[in-house]
N, C-alpha and C. Protein backbone atom coordinates (compact mmCIF):
# COMPACT_ATOMS: atom_id res chain seq x y z
N MET A 1 -32.79 -28.72 -13.46
CA MET A 1 -33.74 -29.73 -13.07
C MET A 1 -33.30 -31.09 -13.61
N LEU A 2 -33.41 -32.07 -12.80
CA LEU A 2 -33.07 -33.42 -13.19
C LEU A 2 -34.35 -34.15 -13.60
N ARG A 3 -34.37 -34.62 -14.82
CA ARG A 3 -35.52 -35.38 -15.32
C ARG A 3 -35.49 -36.75 -14.67
N GLY A 4 -36.65 -37.32 -14.45
CA GLY A 4 -36.74 -38.66 -13.86
C GLY A 4 -35.95 -39.66 -14.67
N PRO A 5 -35.29 -40.60 -14.02
CA PRO A 5 -34.44 -41.57 -14.70
C PRO A 5 -35.27 -42.63 -15.46
N ASP A 6 -34.61 -43.31 -16.38
CA ASP A 6 -35.25 -44.41 -17.10
C ASP A 6 -34.46 -45.69 -16.88
N LEU A 7 -34.06 -45.90 -15.66
CA LEU A 7 -33.34 -47.12 -15.29
C LEU A 7 -33.96 -47.61 -13.99
N PRO A 8 -34.53 -48.76 -13.91
CA PRO A 8 -34.53 -49.75 -14.97
C PRO A 8 -35.36 -49.29 -16.16
N GLN A 9 -35.06 -49.91 -17.30
CA GLN A 9 -35.73 -49.53 -18.53
C GLN A 9 -37.24 -49.56 -18.33
N GLY A 10 -37.90 -48.52 -18.79
CA GLY A 10 -39.35 -48.43 -18.66
C GLY A 10 -39.81 -47.66 -17.43
N LEU A 11 -38.88 -47.25 -16.57
CA LEU A 11 -39.26 -46.53 -15.36
C LEU A 11 -39.93 -45.19 -15.70
N GLN A 12 -39.45 -44.49 -16.71
CA GLN A 12 -40.07 -43.21 -17.07
C GLN A 12 -41.53 -43.40 -17.46
N ALA A 13 -41.85 -44.49 -18.12
CA ALA A 13 -43.25 -44.75 -18.47
C ALA A 13 -44.08 -44.95 -17.20
N GLN A 14 -43.51 -45.61 -16.20
CA GLN A 14 -44.24 -45.82 -14.95
C GLN A 14 -44.46 -44.51 -14.21
N VAL A 15 -43.45 -43.65 -14.18
CA VAL A 15 -43.58 -42.39 -13.45
C VAL A 15 -44.28 -41.31 -14.26
N ALA A 16 -44.66 -41.64 -15.50
CA ALA A 16 -45.42 -40.69 -16.31
C ALA A 16 -46.88 -40.63 -15.88
N ALA A 17 -47.31 -41.64 -15.11
CA ALA A 17 -48.68 -41.62 -14.60
C ALA A 17 -48.84 -40.42 -13.67
N LEU A 18 -50.04 -39.88 -13.61
CA LEU A 18 -50.30 -38.72 -12.77
C LEU A 18 -49.89 -38.96 -11.32
N GLY A 19 -49.43 -37.92 -10.69
CA GLY A 19 -49.08 -37.99 -9.27
C GLY A 19 -47.58 -37.96 -9.03
N TRP A 20 -47.24 -38.13 -7.78
CA TRP A 20 -45.86 -38.16 -7.32
C TRP A 20 -45.42 -39.62 -7.27
N HIS A 21 -44.11 -39.86 -7.48
CA HIS A 21 -43.59 -41.22 -7.48
C HIS A 21 -42.35 -41.29 -6.59
N LEU A 22 -42.42 -42.15 -5.59
CA LEU A 22 -41.30 -42.35 -4.67
C LEU A 22 -40.50 -43.56 -5.14
N LEU A 23 -39.23 -43.31 -5.50
CA LEU A 23 -38.33 -44.36 -5.95
C LEU A 23 -37.41 -44.74 -4.81
N LEU A 24 -37.36 -46.01 -4.48
CA LEU A 24 -36.54 -46.50 -3.38
C LEU A 24 -35.60 -47.57 -3.90
N THR A 25 -34.31 -47.41 -3.66
CA THR A 25 -33.34 -48.42 -4.07
C THR A 25 -32.68 -49.02 -2.84
N GLY A 26 -32.06 -50.16 -3.05
CA GLY A 26 -31.42 -50.85 -1.95
C GLY A 26 -32.23 -52.06 -1.51
N PRO A 27 -31.75 -52.77 -0.50
CA PRO A 27 -32.43 -53.98 -0.04
C PRO A 27 -33.89 -53.69 0.36
N PRO A 28 -34.81 -54.52 -0.10
CA PRO A 28 -36.23 -54.30 0.20
C PRO A 28 -36.55 -54.22 1.69
N HIS A 29 -35.77 -54.91 2.54
CA HIS A 29 -36.08 -54.88 3.98
C HIS A 29 -35.90 -53.47 4.58
N LEU A 30 -35.23 -52.57 3.87
CA LEU A 30 -35.06 -51.19 4.35
C LEU A 30 -36.33 -50.37 4.19
N TRP A 31 -37.25 -50.81 3.36
CA TRP A 31 -38.41 -49.99 2.99
C TRP A 31 -39.75 -50.65 3.32
N PRO A 32 -39.93 -51.16 4.53
CA PRO A 32 -41.25 -51.71 4.86
C PRO A 32 -42.29 -50.59 4.97
N ASP A 33 -43.53 -50.96 4.78
CA ASP A 33 -44.62 -49.97 4.81
C ASP A 33 -44.62 -49.14 6.09
N GLN A 34 -44.32 -49.76 7.23
CA GLN A 34 -44.37 -49.00 8.49
C GLN A 34 -43.29 -47.92 8.56
N ARG A 35 -42.17 -48.10 7.89
CA ARG A 35 -41.14 -47.05 7.85
C ARG A 35 -41.56 -45.89 6.97
N LEU A 36 -42.33 -46.18 5.94
CA LEU A 36 -42.78 -45.14 5.01
C LEU A 36 -44.03 -44.43 5.51
N ALA A 37 -44.69 -44.99 6.50
CA ALA A 37 -45.97 -44.45 6.98
C ALA A 37 -45.91 -42.97 7.33
N PRO A 38 -44.88 -42.46 8.04
CA PRO A 38 -44.86 -41.03 8.37
C PRO A 38 -44.78 -40.12 7.13
N VAL A 39 -44.17 -40.60 6.07
CA VAL A 39 -44.08 -39.81 4.84
C VAL A 39 -45.39 -39.88 4.06
N LEU A 40 -46.00 -41.05 4.04
CA LEU A 40 -47.20 -41.27 3.23
C LEU A 40 -48.49 -40.89 3.94
N ALA A 41 -48.44 -40.68 5.25
CA ALA A 41 -49.66 -40.38 6.01
C ALA A 41 -50.39 -39.19 5.41
N GLY A 42 -51.64 -39.41 5.01
CA GLY A 42 -52.43 -38.36 4.41
C GLY A 42 -52.09 -38.08 2.96
N ARG A 43 -51.10 -38.82 2.42
CA ARG A 43 -50.65 -38.61 1.04
C ARG A 43 -50.65 -39.90 0.23
N ALA A 44 -51.12 -40.99 0.80
CA ALA A 44 -51.01 -42.30 0.15
C ALA A 44 -51.65 -42.33 -1.23
N ASP A 45 -52.72 -41.55 -1.43
CA ASP A 45 -53.35 -41.55 -2.74
C ASP A 45 -52.67 -40.56 -3.70
N LEU A 46 -51.67 -39.83 -3.23
CA LEU A 46 -50.92 -38.89 -4.08
C LEU A 46 -49.57 -39.45 -4.52
N ILE A 47 -49.01 -40.36 -3.72
CA ILE A 47 -47.66 -40.86 -3.95
C ILE A 47 -47.70 -42.36 -4.26
N THR A 48 -47.13 -42.73 -5.40
CA THR A 48 -46.98 -44.14 -5.75
C THR A 48 -45.56 -44.56 -5.39
N VAL A 49 -45.43 -45.66 -4.65
CA VAL A 49 -44.13 -46.15 -4.21
C VAL A 49 -43.62 -47.20 -5.19
N HIS A 50 -42.34 -47.03 -5.59
CA HIS A 50 -41.67 -47.99 -6.48
C HIS A 50 -40.43 -48.49 -5.74
N ARG A 51 -40.46 -49.74 -5.32
CA ARG A 51 -39.30 -50.35 -4.67
C ARG A 51 -38.47 -51.02 -5.77
N LEU A 52 -37.31 -50.43 -6.07
CA LEU A 52 -36.51 -50.85 -7.22
C LEU A 52 -35.40 -51.82 -6.85
N ALA A 53 -35.18 -52.06 -5.57
CA ALA A 53 -34.11 -52.94 -5.09
C ALA A 53 -32.78 -52.49 -5.68
N ASP A 54 -32.08 -53.39 -6.36
CA ASP A 54 -30.77 -53.02 -6.94
C ASP A 54 -30.89 -52.64 -8.42
N ARG A 55 -32.10 -52.45 -8.92
CA ARG A 55 -32.32 -52.11 -10.33
C ARG A 55 -32.48 -50.61 -10.53
N GLY A 56 -32.25 -49.84 -9.51
CA GLY A 56 -32.48 -48.40 -9.59
C GLY A 56 -31.40 -47.63 -10.29
N PRO A 57 -31.65 -46.36 -10.53
CA PRO A 57 -30.71 -45.50 -11.23
C PRO A 57 -29.52 -45.07 -10.37
N TRP A 58 -29.63 -45.22 -9.05
CA TRP A 58 -28.55 -44.85 -8.15
C TRP A 58 -28.04 -46.10 -7.45
N PRO A 59 -26.72 -46.29 -7.43
CA PRO A 59 -26.19 -47.48 -6.75
C PRO A 59 -26.38 -47.38 -5.24
N GLY A 60 -26.53 -48.51 -4.61
CA GLY A 60 -26.68 -48.55 -3.16
C GLY A 60 -28.07 -48.14 -2.73
N VAL A 61 -28.14 -47.57 -1.55
CA VAL A 61 -29.42 -47.19 -0.96
C VAL A 61 -29.70 -45.73 -1.29
N ALA A 62 -30.85 -45.46 -1.87
CA ALA A 62 -31.23 -44.10 -2.21
C ALA A 62 -32.75 -43.99 -2.25
N GLN A 63 -33.20 -42.75 -2.20
CA GLN A 63 -34.63 -42.45 -2.27
C GLN A 63 -34.79 -41.20 -3.12
N ALA A 64 -35.84 -41.16 -3.92
CA ALA A 64 -36.09 -39.99 -4.76
C ALA A 64 -37.60 -39.83 -4.90
N LEU A 65 -38.02 -38.58 -4.96
CA LEU A 65 -39.42 -38.28 -5.19
C LEU A 65 -39.53 -37.54 -6.51
N VAL A 66 -40.21 -38.17 -7.46
CA VAL A 66 -40.40 -37.59 -8.79
C VAL A 66 -41.72 -36.83 -8.78
N ARG A 67 -41.65 -35.57 -9.19
CA ARG A 67 -42.82 -34.70 -9.21
C ARG A 67 -43.76 -35.08 -10.35
N PRO A 68 -44.98 -34.58 -10.33
CA PRO A 68 -45.92 -34.87 -11.41
C PRO A 68 -45.45 -34.41 -12.80
N ASP A 69 -44.54 -33.44 -12.86
CA ASP A 69 -44.03 -32.99 -14.17
C ASP A 69 -42.89 -33.86 -14.68
N GLY A 70 -42.55 -34.93 -13.95
CA GLY A 70 -41.52 -35.86 -14.40
C GLY A 70 -40.12 -35.52 -13.97
N HIS A 71 -39.93 -34.45 -13.22
CA HIS A 71 -38.61 -34.07 -12.72
C HIS A 71 -38.43 -34.56 -11.29
N VAL A 72 -37.18 -34.84 -10.96
CA VAL A 72 -36.86 -35.28 -9.60
C VAL A 72 -36.88 -34.04 -8.69
N GLY A 73 -37.75 -34.06 -7.71
CA GLY A 73 -37.85 -32.95 -6.76
C GLY A 73 -36.95 -33.14 -5.56
N TYR A 74 -36.74 -34.41 -5.19
CA TYR A 74 -35.94 -34.71 -4.01
C TYR A 74 -35.19 -36.01 -4.27
N VAL A 75 -33.92 -36.04 -3.90
CA VAL A 75 -33.13 -37.27 -3.97
C VAL A 75 -32.12 -37.25 -2.84
N ALA A 76 -31.90 -38.41 -2.23
CA ALA A 76 -30.92 -38.53 -1.14
C ALA A 76 -30.39 -39.96 -1.10
N ARG A 77 -29.17 -40.08 -0.68
CA ARG A 77 -28.57 -41.39 -0.44
C ARG A 77 -28.91 -41.81 0.98
N GLY A 78 -28.91 -43.10 1.20
CA GLY A 78 -29.14 -43.63 2.54
C GLY A 78 -30.61 -43.90 2.83
N ALA A 79 -30.86 -44.42 4.02
CA ALA A 79 -32.21 -44.84 4.40
C ALA A 79 -32.89 -43.89 5.38
N ASP A 80 -32.23 -42.79 5.75
CA ASP A 80 -32.84 -41.82 6.66
C ASP A 80 -33.92 -41.06 5.90
N LEU A 81 -35.15 -41.13 6.38
CA LEU A 81 -36.28 -40.54 5.69
C LEU A 81 -36.65 -39.14 6.17
N GLU A 82 -35.88 -38.55 7.07
CA GLU A 82 -36.25 -37.24 7.61
C GLU A 82 -36.28 -36.15 6.53
N GLY A 83 -35.31 -36.13 5.64
CA GLY A 83 -35.30 -35.14 4.57
C GLY A 83 -36.48 -35.31 3.64
N LEU A 84 -36.80 -36.55 3.32
CA LEU A 84 -37.96 -36.83 2.47
C LEU A 84 -39.24 -36.41 3.17
N ARG A 85 -39.35 -36.69 4.46
CA ARG A 85 -40.53 -36.30 5.22
C ARG A 85 -40.70 -34.79 5.21
N ALA A 86 -39.60 -34.06 5.40
CA ALA A 86 -39.65 -32.59 5.40
C ALA A 86 -40.03 -32.06 4.02
N TYR A 87 -39.49 -32.66 2.96
CA TYR A 87 -39.83 -32.23 1.60
C TYR A 87 -41.32 -32.45 1.35
N ALA A 88 -41.82 -33.62 1.71
CA ALA A 88 -43.24 -33.92 1.51
C ALA A 88 -44.12 -32.97 2.32
N ALA A 89 -43.69 -32.64 3.53
CA ALA A 89 -44.48 -31.72 4.36
C ALA A 89 -44.56 -30.34 3.72
N ARG A 90 -43.50 -29.93 3.06
CA ARG A 90 -43.48 -28.61 2.42
C ARG A 90 -44.32 -28.58 1.14
N TRP A 91 -44.17 -29.58 0.29
CA TRP A 91 -44.78 -29.55 -1.03
C TRP A 91 -46.10 -30.31 -1.12
N LEU A 92 -46.35 -31.19 -0.16
CA LEU A 92 -47.60 -31.96 -0.13
C LEU A 92 -48.20 -31.88 1.27
N PRO A 93 -48.56 -30.70 1.71
CA PRO A 93 -49.05 -30.55 3.09
C PRO A 93 -50.35 -31.33 3.31
N ILE A 94 -50.51 -31.76 4.53
CA ILE A 94 -51.70 -32.52 4.93
C ILE A 94 -52.69 -31.56 5.58
N GLY A 95 -53.95 -31.74 5.31
CA GLY A 95 -54.98 -30.95 5.98
C GLY A 95 -55.40 -29.74 5.19
N PRO A 96 -56.28 -28.94 5.80
CA PRO A 96 -56.81 -27.77 5.10
C PRO A 96 -55.73 -26.73 4.83
N MET A 97 -55.90 -26.03 3.73
CA MET A 97 -54.94 -25.00 3.36
C MET A 97 -55.49 -23.64 3.69
């Protein structure tokens, strides 16, 4: 298991808050709210978004979802959100169980 990163300094303190934390690196224009909407739909109060720009733990464009226990559950390079959407659908399903 990969523990959540602490770069930029203090990031671990931010992701220590209850809930899931979505870390996004790369140019901010890649991560507008409307692009994230399919991932966050029905989960917006469960996932806190952190747009890290070029201050993130991974160089270039990347996305990671830190679980409530502080471990990275999902990480991927690039701006394609399909893998993240599938991960969220599996572990944070929407609707009645």
